[in-house]
């Protein structure tokens, strides 16, 4: 078995170039704002550099990074600090809201509950299959299919008449 590990000269810059956009998109999907998504990206990079795990393949490395990203996002969303911070709306949040306006589909996806948003993001934006999503999230394939079905139904209702859902996502 050929294992892929971090080379001694593989720095955060290399990891950021290779996986940064994927991690940032997933983190943004979970956290719903850019500064928190950037913080998650930084935490993921620190974790991979600290642990320096050996991977069986590049796909295994990518799956590990996605799993770590989701775990860090969930952890941050549960923290008491986050709940306190959400009570204090800032000008930055308002500016970010303006940035998101205009993309009807993205707005609808971002408004989904976490469990639906994760599967939609992984399926449509990261091109993972239902089986791969199930493995990444530690759920049964039937559960992932149900979540996808419900998420699509919610999106269809929200976007009724506004856009052709199959072409937009």
C-alpha atoms as a PDB file:
ATOM      1  CA  UNK A   1       0.000   0.000   0.000  1.00  0.00           C
ATOM      2  CA  UNK A   2       1.479   3.302  -1.103  1.00  0.00           C
ATOM      3  CA  UNK A   3       1.004   5.879   1.634  1.00  0.00           C
ATOM      4  CA  UNK A   4       0.884   9.609   1.036  1.00  0.00           C
ATOM      5  CA  UNK A   5       2.257  11.740   3.836  1.00  0.00           C
ATOM      6  CA  UNK A   6       3.225  15.329   4.263  1.00  0.00           C
ATOM      7  CA  UNK A   7       6.744  15.903   3.086  1.00  0.00           C
ATOM      8  CA  UNK A   8       8.950  17.897   5.445  1.00  0.00           C
ATOM      9  CA  UNK A   9       9.038  20.741   2.920  1.00  0.00           C
ATOM     10  CA  UNK A  10       5.264  20.751   2.392  1.00  0.00           C
ATOM     11  CA  UNK A  11       4.255  23.963   4.076  1.00  0.00           C
ATOM     12  CA  UNK A  12       0.957  25.585   4.858  1.00  0.00           C
ATOM     13  CA  UNK A  13       1.309  27.473   1.568  1.00  0.00           C
ATOM     14  CA  UNK A  14       1.324  24.229  -0.423  1.00  0.00           C
ATOM     15  CA  UNK A  15      -1.664  22.886   1.497  1.00  0.00           C
ATOM     16  CA  UNK A  16      -3.465  26.201   1.097  1.00  0.00           C
ATOM     17  CA  UNK A  17      -2.859  26.240  -2.660  1.00  0.00           C
ATOM     18  CA  UNK A  18      -4.004  22.648  -3.094  1.00  0.00           C
ATOM     19  CA  UNK A  19      -6.978  22.449  -0.705  1.00  0.00           C
ATOM     20  CA  UNK A  20      -7.674  25.983   0.519  1.00  0.00           C
ATOM     21  CA  UNK A  21     -10.603  26.766  -1.778  1.00  0.00           C
ATOM     22  CA  UNK A  22     -12.333  23.480  -1.029  1.00  0.00           C
ATOM     23  CA  UNK A  23     -11.949  23.909   2.740  1.00  0.00           C
ATOM     24  CA  UNK A  24     -13.004  27.580   2.616  1.00  0.00           C
ATOM     25  CA  UNK A  25     -16.127  26.822   0.546  1.00  0.00           C
ATOM     26  CA  UNK A  26     -17.173  24.037   2.907  1.00  0.00           C
ATOM     27  CA  UNK A  27     -16.451  26.159   5.979  1.00  0.00           C
ATOM     28  CA  UNK A  28     -18.410  29.076   4.497  1.00  0.00           C
ATOM     29  CA  UNK A  29     -21.290  26.729   3.789  1.00  0.00           C
ATOM     30  CA  UNK A  30     -21.359  25.722   7.459  1.00  0.00           C
ATOM     31  CA  UNK A  31     -20.447  28.995   9.162  1.00  0.00           C
ATOM     32  CA  UNK A  32     -22.374  31.339   6.839  1.00  0.00           C
ATOM     33  CA  UNK A  33     -19.783  34.099   7.000  1.00  0.00           C
ATOM     34  CA  UNK A  34     -16.351  34.687   5.573  1.00  0.00           C
ATOM     35  CA  UNK A  35     -14.357  35.613   8.716  1.00  0.00           C
ATOM     36  CA  UNK A  36     -15.468  32.471  10.573  1.00  0.00           C
ATOM     37  CA  UNK A  37     -14.826  30.353   7.469  1.00  0.00           C
ATOM     38  CA  UNK A  38     -11.298  31.768   7.252  1.00  0.00           C
ATOM     39  CA  UNK A  39     -10.749  30.928  10.928  1.00  0.00           C
ATOM     40  CA  UNK A  40     -11.883  27.356  10.279  1.00  0.00           C
ATOM     41  CA  UNK A  41      -9.516  27.139   7.303  1.00  0.00           C
ATOM     42  CA  UNK A  42      -6.652  28.256   9.526  1.00  0.00           C
ATOM     43  CA  UNK A  43      -7.576  25.701  12.214  1.00  0.00           C
ATOM     44  CA  UNK A  44      -7.725  22.900   9.637  1.00  0.00           C
ATOM     45  CA  UNK A  45      -4.286  23.802   8.274  1.00  0.00           C
ATOM     46  CA  UNK A  46      -2.825  23.947  11.784  1.00  0.00           C
ATOM     47  CA  UNK A  47      -4.362  20.557  12.608  1.00  0.00           C
ATOM     48  CA  UNK A  48      -2.970  18.874   9.485  1.00  0.00           C
ATOM     49  CA  UNK A  49       0.485  20.338  10.108  1.00  0.00           C
ATOM     50  CA  UNK A  50       0.417  19.294  13.794  1.00  0.00           C
ATOM     51  CA  UNK A  51      -0.834  15.773  13.176  1.00  0.00           C
ATOM     52  CA  UNK A  52       1.031  15.168   9.895  1.00  0.00           C
ATOM     53  CA  UNK A  53      -0.953  11.964   9.291  1.00  0.00           C
ATOM     54  CA  UNK A  54      -0.026   9.391   6.665  1.00  0.00           C
ATOM     55  CA  UNK A  55      -2.711   8.959   4.018  1.00  0.00           C
ATOM     56  CA  UNK A  56      -3.377   5.995   1.759  1.00  0.00           C
ATOM     57  CA  UNK A  57      -4.046   8.271  -1.218  1.00  0.00           C
ATOM     58  CA  UNK A  58      -4.816  11.833  -2.235  1.00  0.00           C
ATOM     59  CA  UNK A  59      -8.525  10.971  -2.006  1.00  0.00           C
ATOM     60  CA  UNK A  60      -7.999   9.807   1.578  1.00  0.00           C
ATOM     61  CA  UNK A  61      -6.228  13.103   2.376  1.00  0.00           C
ATOM     62  CA  UNK A  62      -9.084  15.114   0.833  1.00  0.00           C
ATOM     63  CA  UNK A  63     -11.694  13.110   2.766  1.00  0.00           C
ATOM     64  CA  UNK A  64      -9.744  13.623   6.006  1.00  0.00           C
ATOM     65  CA  UNK A  65      -9.583  17.377   5.398  1.00  0.00           C
ATOM     66  CA  UNK A  66     -13.342  17.513   4.734  1.00  0.00           C
ATOM     67  CA  UNK A  67     -14.085  15.511   7.886  1.00  0.00           C
ATOM     68  CA  UNK A  68     -11.826  17.771   9.992  1.00  0.00           C
ATOM     69  CA  UNK A  69     -13.419  20.885   8.460  1.00  0.00           C
ATOM     70  CA  UNK A  70     -16.940  19.673   9.266  1.00  0.00           C
ATOM     71  CA  UNK A  71     -15.916  18.724  12.806  1.00  0.00           C
ATOM     72  CA  UNK A  72     -14.304  22.103  13.479  1.00  0.00           C
ATOM     73  CA  UNK A  73     -17.347  23.916  12.079  1.00  0.00           C
ATOM     74  CA  UNK A  74     -19.726  21.926  14.252  1.00  0.00           C
ATOM     75  CA  UNK A  75     -17.553  22.502  17.275  1.00  0.00           C
ATOM     76  CA  UNK A  76     -17.478  26.253  16.689  1.00  0.00           C
ATOM     77  CA  UNK A  77     -21.223  26.405  16.107  1.00  0.00           C
ATOM     78  CA  UNK A  78     -21.850  24.706  19.468  1.00  0.00           C
ATOM     79  CA  UNK A  79     -19.537  26.977  21.449  1.00  0.00           C
ATOM     80  CA  UNK A  80     -21.025  29.411  23.994  1.00  0.00           C
ATOM     81  CA  UNK A  81     -18.853  32.172  22.537  1.00  0.00           C
ATOM     82  CA  UNK A  82     -20.548  31.724  19.170  1.00  0.00           C
ATOM     83  CA  UNK A  83     -24.007  32.010  20.721  1.00  0.00           C
ATOM     84  CA  UNK A  84     -22.982  35.196  22.530  1.00  0.00           C
ATOM     85  CA  UNK A  85     -21.406  36.614  19.393  1.00  0.00           C
ATOM     86  CA  UNK A  86     -24.547  35.930  17.337  1.00  0.00           C
ATOM     87  CA  UNK A  87     -26.552  38.140  19.680  1.00  0.00           C
ATOM     88  CA  UNK A  88     -24.398  41.118  18.726  1.00  0.00           C
ATOM     89  CA  UNK A  89     -25.025  41.931  15.065  1.00  0.00           C
ATOM     90  CA  UNK A  90     -22.158  43.880  13.548  1.00  0.00           C
ATOM     91  CA  UNK A  91     -21.717  46.077  10.519  1.00  0.00           C
ATOM     92  CA  UNK A  92     -19.500  43.380   9.028  1.00  0.00           C
ATOM     93  CA  UNK A  93     -22.415  40.941   9.031  1.00  0.00           C
ATOM     94  CA  UNK A  94     -24.587  43.499   7.251  1.00  0.00           C
ATOM     95  CA  UNK A  95     -21.887  44.105   4.636  1.00  0.00           C
ATOM     96  CA  UNK A  96     -21.527  40.381   4.106  1.00  0.00           C
ATOM     97  CA  UNK A  97     -25.280  40.049   3.679  1.00  0.00           C
ATOM     98  CA  UNK A  98     -25.120  42.663   0.919  1.00  0.00           C
ATOM     99  CA  UNK A  99     -22.338  40.686  -0.771  1.00  0.00           C
ATOM    100  CA  UNK A 100     -24.500  37.559  -0.832  1.00  0.00           C
ATOM    101  CA  UNK A 101     -27.554  39.363  -2.216  1.00  0.00           C
ATOM    102  CA  UNK A 102     -28.186  38.766  -5.864  1.00  0.00           C
ATOM    103  CA  UNK A 103     -27.376  35.067  -5.880  1.00  0.00           C
ATOM    104  CA  UNK A 104     -30.800  33.582  -5.273  1.00  0.00           C
ATOM    105  CA  UNK A 105     -29.652  29.958  -5.293  1.00  0.00           C
ATOM    106  CA  UNK A 106     -26.740  30.581  -2.918  1.00  0.00           C
ATOM    107  CA  UNK A 107     -29.058  32.487  -0.576  1.00  0.00           C
ATOM    108  CA  UNK A 108     -31.514  29.581  -0.599  1.00  0.00           C
ATOM    109  CA  UNK A 109     -28.765  26.991   0.005  1.00  0.00           C
ATOM    110  CA  UNK A 110     -27.268  29.072   2.837  1.00  0.00           C
ATOM    111  CA  UNK A 111     -30.713  29.311   4.470  1.00  0.00           C
ATOM    112  CA  UNK A 112     -31.015  25.510   4.675  1.00  0.00           C
ATOM    113  CA  UNK A 113     -30.541  23.819   8.064  1.00  0.00           C
ATOM    114  CA  UNK A 114     -27.003  22.482   8.598  1.00  0.00           C
ATOM    115  CA  UNK A 115     -27.828  18.831   7.933  1.00  0.00           C
ATOM    116  CA  UNK A 116     -29.255  19.678   4.508  1.00  0.00           C
ATOM    117  CA  UNK A 117     -26.676  22.316   3.606  1.00  0.00           C
ATOM    118  CA  UNK A 118     -23.783  19.888   4.210  1.00  0.00           C
ATOM    119  CA  UNK A 119     -25.072  17.216   1.856  1.00  0.00           C
ATOM    120  CA  UNK A 120     -26.059  19.733  -0.842  1.00  0.00           C
ATOM    121  CA  UNK A 121     -22.634  21.363  -0.671  1.00  0.00           C
ATOM    122  CA  UNK A 122     -20.728  18.085  -0.832  1.00  0.00           C
ATOM    123  CA  UNK A 123     -22.890  16.720  -3.653  1.00  0.00           C
ATOM    124  CA  UNK A 124     -23.191  19.753  -5.919  1.00  0.00           C
ATOM    125  CA  UNK A 125     -20.156  21.872  -5.100  1.00  0.00           C
ATOM    126  CA  UNK A 126     -17.542  19.203  -4.262  1.00  0.00           C
ATOM    127  CA  UNK A 127     -18.863  16.512  -6.662  1.00  0.00           C
ATOM    128  CA  UNK A 128     -19.018  13.715  -4.095  1.00  0.00           C
ATOM    129  CA  UNK A 129     -21.311  10.738  -4.636  1.00  0.00           C
ATOM    130  CA  UNK A 130     -23.982   9.776  -2.112  1.00  0.00           C
ATOM    131  CA  UNK A 131     -21.797   6.892  -0.930  1.00  0.00           C
ATOM    132  CA  UNK A 132     -18.798   9.144  -0.421  1.00  0.00           C
ATOM    133  CA  UNK A 133     -20.894  11.710   1.455  1.00  0.00           C
ATOM    134  CA  UNK A 134     -22.251   8.967   3.697  1.00  0.00           C
ATOM    135  CA  UNK A 135     -18.711   7.839   4.525  1.00  0.00           C
ATOM    136  CA  UNK A 136     -17.517  11.409   5.140  1.00  0.00           C
ATOM    137  CA  UNK A 137     -20.396  12.289   7.442  1.00  0.00           C
ATOM    138  CA  UNK A 138     -20.662   8.903   9.136  1.00  0.00           C
ATOM    139  CA  UNK A 139     -24.257   8.389   7.996  1.00  0.00           C
ATOM    140  CA  UNK A 140     -26.036   5.652   6.063  1.00  0.00           C
ATOM    141  CA  UNK A 141     -26.447   6.127   2.310  1.00  0.00           C
ATOM    142  CA  UNK A 142     -30.220   5.990   2.704  1.00  0.00           C
ATOM    143  CA  UNK A 143     -30.016   8.810   5.243  1.00  0.00           C
ATOM    144  CA  UNK A 144     -27.952  10.926   2.846  1.00  0.00           C
ATOM    145  CA  UNK A 145     -30.446  10.255   0.034  1.00  0.00           C
ATOM    146  CA  UNK A 146     -33.303  11.293   2.339  1.00  0.00           C
ATOM    147  CA  UNK A 147     -31.479  14.469   3.339  1.00  0.00           C
ATOM    148  CA  UNK A 148     -30.813  15.258  -0.335  1.00  0.00           C
ATOM    149  CA  UNK A 149     -34.473  14.643  -1.218  1.00  0.00           C
ATOM    150  CA  UNK A 150     -35.710  16.906   1.575  1.00  0.00           C
ATOM    151  CA  UNK A 151     -33.145  19.610   0.807  1.00  0.00           C
ATOM    152  CA  UNK A 152     -34.122  19.614  -2.859  1.00  0.00           C
ATOM    153  CA  UNK A 153     -37.807  19.855  -1.911  1.00  0.00           C
ATOM    154  CA  UNK A 154     -37.089  22.837   0.354  1.00  0.00           C
ATOM    155  CA  UNK A 155     -34.998  24.514  -2.349  1.00  0.00           C
ATOM    156  CA  UNK A 156     -37.618  23.812  -4.997  1.00  0.00           C
ATOM    157  CA  UNK A 157     -40.293  25.453  -2.857  1.00  0.00           C
ATOM    158  CA  UNK A 158     -38.103  28.472  -2.033  1.00  0.00           C
ATOM    159  CA  UNK A 159     -36.984  28.946  -5.613  1.00  0.00           C
ATOM    160  CA  UNK A 160     -40.338  28.186  -7.246  1.00  0.00           C
ATOM    161  CA  UNK A 161     -40.558  30.290 -10.390  1.00  0.00           C
ATOM    162  CA  UNK A 162     -37.343  32.187  -9.647  1.00  0.00           C
ATOM    163  CA  UNK A 163     -34.816  29.864 -11.319  1.00  0.00           C
ATOM    164  CA  UNK A 164     -34.496  26.463 -12.939  1.00  0.00           C
ATOM    165  CA  UNK A 165     -33.103  24.531  -9.968  1.00  0.00           C
ATOM    166  CA  UNK A 166     -31.419  21.754 -11.971  1.00  0.00           C
ATOM    167  CA  UNK A 167     -29.395  24.226 -14.032  1.00  0.00           C
ATOM    168  CA  UNK A 168     -28.445  26.537 -11.153  1.00  0.00           C
ATOM    169  CA  UNK A 169     -26.998  24.193  -8.546  1.00  0.00           C
END
